[in-house]
Amino acid sequence: MVEEVATDGSDGSNGSAVSGVSGPDDSPCVQPIGEVDPETIADAPELFDRAATGRVVFLWLLTPTVSTIGSYVVFALLL
């Protein structure tokens, strides 16, 4: 069942469906959407980690290999 929310002010609110929300924030510490601070952009070498890539590729190959060997052993013992 869906509960109706009064938005006409009859419940004592200001007529808004969401109460407690004010207008736009003009705080100087919040950047507008779409603007990027050049100091926070990382350089390309900082974004690539060779060790992490090596771990991902190693586990990418190891996981199906171990599951294949394990399933072969289980079916060889059961059948």
C-alpha atoms as a PDB file:
ATOM      1  CA  MET A   1       0.000   0.000   0.000  1.00  0.00           C
ATOM      2  CA  VAL A   2       1.336   3.437  -0.930  1.00  0.00           C
ATOM      3  CA  GLU A   3       0.917   6.204   1.611  1.00  0.00           C
ATOM      4  CA  GLU A   4      -0.092   9.586   0.256  1.00  0.00           C
ATOM      5  CA  VAL A   5       2.064  12.550   1.258  1.00  0.00           C
ATOM      6  CA  ALA A   6       0.238  15.845   1.661  1.00  0.00           C
ATOM      7  CA  THR A   7       1.948  18.555  -0.358  1.00  0.00           C
ATOM      8  CA  ASP A   8      -0.725  21.232  -0.134  1.00  0.00           C
ATOM      9  CA  GLY A   9       0.269  22.411   3.349  1.00  0.00           C
ATOM     10  CA  SER A  10      -2.753  20.872   5.071  1.00  0.00           C
ATOM     11  CA  ASP A  11      -0.502  18.900   7.421  1.00  0.00           C
ATOM     12  CA  GLY A  12       1.197  22.039   8.764  1.00  0.00           C
ATOM     13  CA  SER A  13       4.212  21.839   6.502  1.00  0.00           C
ATOM     14  CA  ASN A  14       5.235  24.436   3.975  1.00  0.00           C
ATOM     15  CA  GLY A  15       3.684  22.441   1.139  1.00  0.00           C
ATOM     16  CA  SER A  16       6.898  20.678   0.184  1.00  0.00           C
ATOM     17  CA  ALA A  17       7.067  16.897  -0.158  1.00  0.00           C
ATOM     18  CA  VAL A  18      10.505  16.936   1.491  1.00  0.00           C
ATOM     19  CA  SER A  19      10.689  18.857   4.720  1.00  0.00           C
ATOM     20  CA  GLY A  20      13.860  20.227   6.250  1.00  0.00           C
ATOM     21  CA  VAL A  21      15.564  20.907   2.933  1.00  0.00           C
ATOM     22  CA  SER A  22      16.663  24.454   2.298  1.00  0.00           C
ATOM     23  CA  GLY A  23      17.607  26.184  -0.930  1.00  0.00           C
ATOM     24  CA  PRO A  24      20.923  25.962  -2.763  1.00  0.00           C
ATOM     25  CA  ASP A  25      24.060  26.091  -0.656  1.00  0.00           C
ATOM     26  CA  ASP A  26      26.289  29.058  -1.467  1.00  0.00           C
ATOM     27  CA  SER A  27      29.193  27.736   0.593  1.00  0.00           C
ATOM     28  CA  PRO A  28      32.590  28.613  -0.949  1.00  0.00           C
ATOM     29  CA  CYS A  29      34.092  25.215  -0.043  1.00  0.00           C
ATOM     30  CA  VAL A  30      31.703  23.306  -2.330  1.00  0.00           C
ATOM     31  CA  GLN A  31      32.613  23.391  -6.020  1.00  0.00           C
ATOM     32  CA  PRO A  32      29.841  23.537  -8.585  1.00  0.00           C
ATOM     33  CA  ILE A  33      29.125  20.297 -10.400  1.00  0.00           C
ATOM     34  CA  GLY A  34      31.328  19.795 -13.437  1.00  0.00           C
ATOM     35  CA  GLU A  35      34.189  22.015 -12.296  1.00  0.00           C
ATOM     36  CA  VAL A  36      37.423  20.213 -11.472  1.00  0.00           C
ATOM     37  CA  ASP A  37      40.224  21.492  -9.311  1.00  0.00           C
ATOM     38  CA  PRO A  38      43.469  20.948 -11.307  1.00  0.00           C
ATOM     39  CA  GLU A  39      45.373  20.216  -8.086  1.00  0.00           C
ATOM     40  CA  THR A  40      43.233  17.147  -7.334  1.00  0.00           C
ATOM     41  CA  ILE A  41      43.693  15.487 -10.737  1.00  0.00           C
ATOM     42  CA  ALA A  42      46.181  12.614 -10.499  1.00  0.00           C
ATOM     43  CA  ASP A  43      48.865  12.081 -13.115  1.00  0.00           C
ATOM     44  CA  ALA A  44      48.613   8.989 -15.306  1.00  0.00           C
ATOM     45  CA  PRO A  45      51.575   7.146 -13.683  1.00  0.00           C
ATOM     46  CA  GLU A  46      49.902   7.527 -10.279  1.00  0.00           C
ATOM     47  CA  LEU A  47      46.752   5.819 -11.554  1.00  0.00           C
ATOM     48  CA  PHE A  48      48.497   2.635 -12.748  1.00  0.00           C
ATOM     49  CA  ASP A  49      49.873   0.197 -10.165  1.00  0.00           C
ATOM     50  CA  ARG A  50      51.875  -2.652 -11.684  1.00  0.00           C
ATOM     51  CA  ALA A  51      51.654  -4.790  -8.542  1.00  0.00           C
ATOM     52  CA  ALA A  52      47.861  -4.565  -8.415  1.00  0.00           C
ATOM     53  CA  THR A  53      47.596  -5.417 -12.097  1.00  0.00           C
ATOM     54  CA  GLY A  54      49.873  -8.415 -11.594  1.00  0.00           C
ATOM     55  CA  ARG A  55      47.737  -9.690  -8.694  1.00  0.00           C
ATOM     56  CA  VAL A  56      44.539  -9.328 -10.712  1.00  0.00           C
ATOM     57  CA  VAL A  57      45.936 -11.204 -13.722  1.00  0.00           C
ATOM     58  CA  PHE A  58      47.469 -13.898 -11.499  1.00  0.00           C
ATOM     59  CA  LEU A  59      44.190 -14.526  -9.660  1.00  0.00           C
ATOM     60  CA  TRP A  60      42.254 -14.266 -12.921  1.00  0.00           C
ATOM     61  CA  LEU A  61      44.243 -17.260 -14.198  1.00  0.00           C
ATOM     62  CA  LEU A  62      44.601 -19.126 -10.893  1.00  0.00           C
ATOM     63  CA  THR A  63      40.942 -19.212  -9.860  1.00  0.00           C
ATOM     64  CA  PRO A  64      39.498 -21.152 -12.838  1.00  0.00           C
ATOM     65  CA  THR A  65      42.554 -23.420 -12.876  1.00  0.00           C
ATOM     66  CA  VAL A  66      42.091 -24.414  -9.235  1.00  0.00           C
ATOM     67  CA  SER A  67      38.334 -24.910  -9.669  1.00  0.00           C
ATOM     68  CA  THR A  68      38.864 -27.102 -12.747  1.00  0.00           C
ATOM     69  CA  ILE A  69      41.444 -29.277 -10.998  1.00  0.00           C
ATOM     70  CA  GLY A  70      39.284 -29.486  -7.872  1.00  0.00           C
ATOM     71  CA  SER A  71      36.165 -30.503  -9.783  1.00  0.00           C
ATOM     72  CA  TYR A  72      38.142 -33.136 -11.738  1.00  0.00           C
ATOM     73  CA  VAL A  73      39.442 -34.650  -8.495  1.00  0.00           C
ATOM     74  CA  VAL A  74      35.964 -34.668  -6.926  1.00  0.00           C
ATOM     75  CA  PHE A  75      34.310 -36.318  -9.941  1.00  0.00           C
ATOM     76  CA  ALA A  76      37.180 -38.801 -10.350  1.00  0.00           C
ATOM     77  CA  LEU A  77      36.731 -39.937  -6.727  1.00  0.00           C
ATOM     78  CA  LEU A  78      32.929 -40.083  -6.906  1.00  0.00           C
ATOM     79  CA  LEU A  79      32.552 -41.794 -10.263  1.00  0.00           C
END
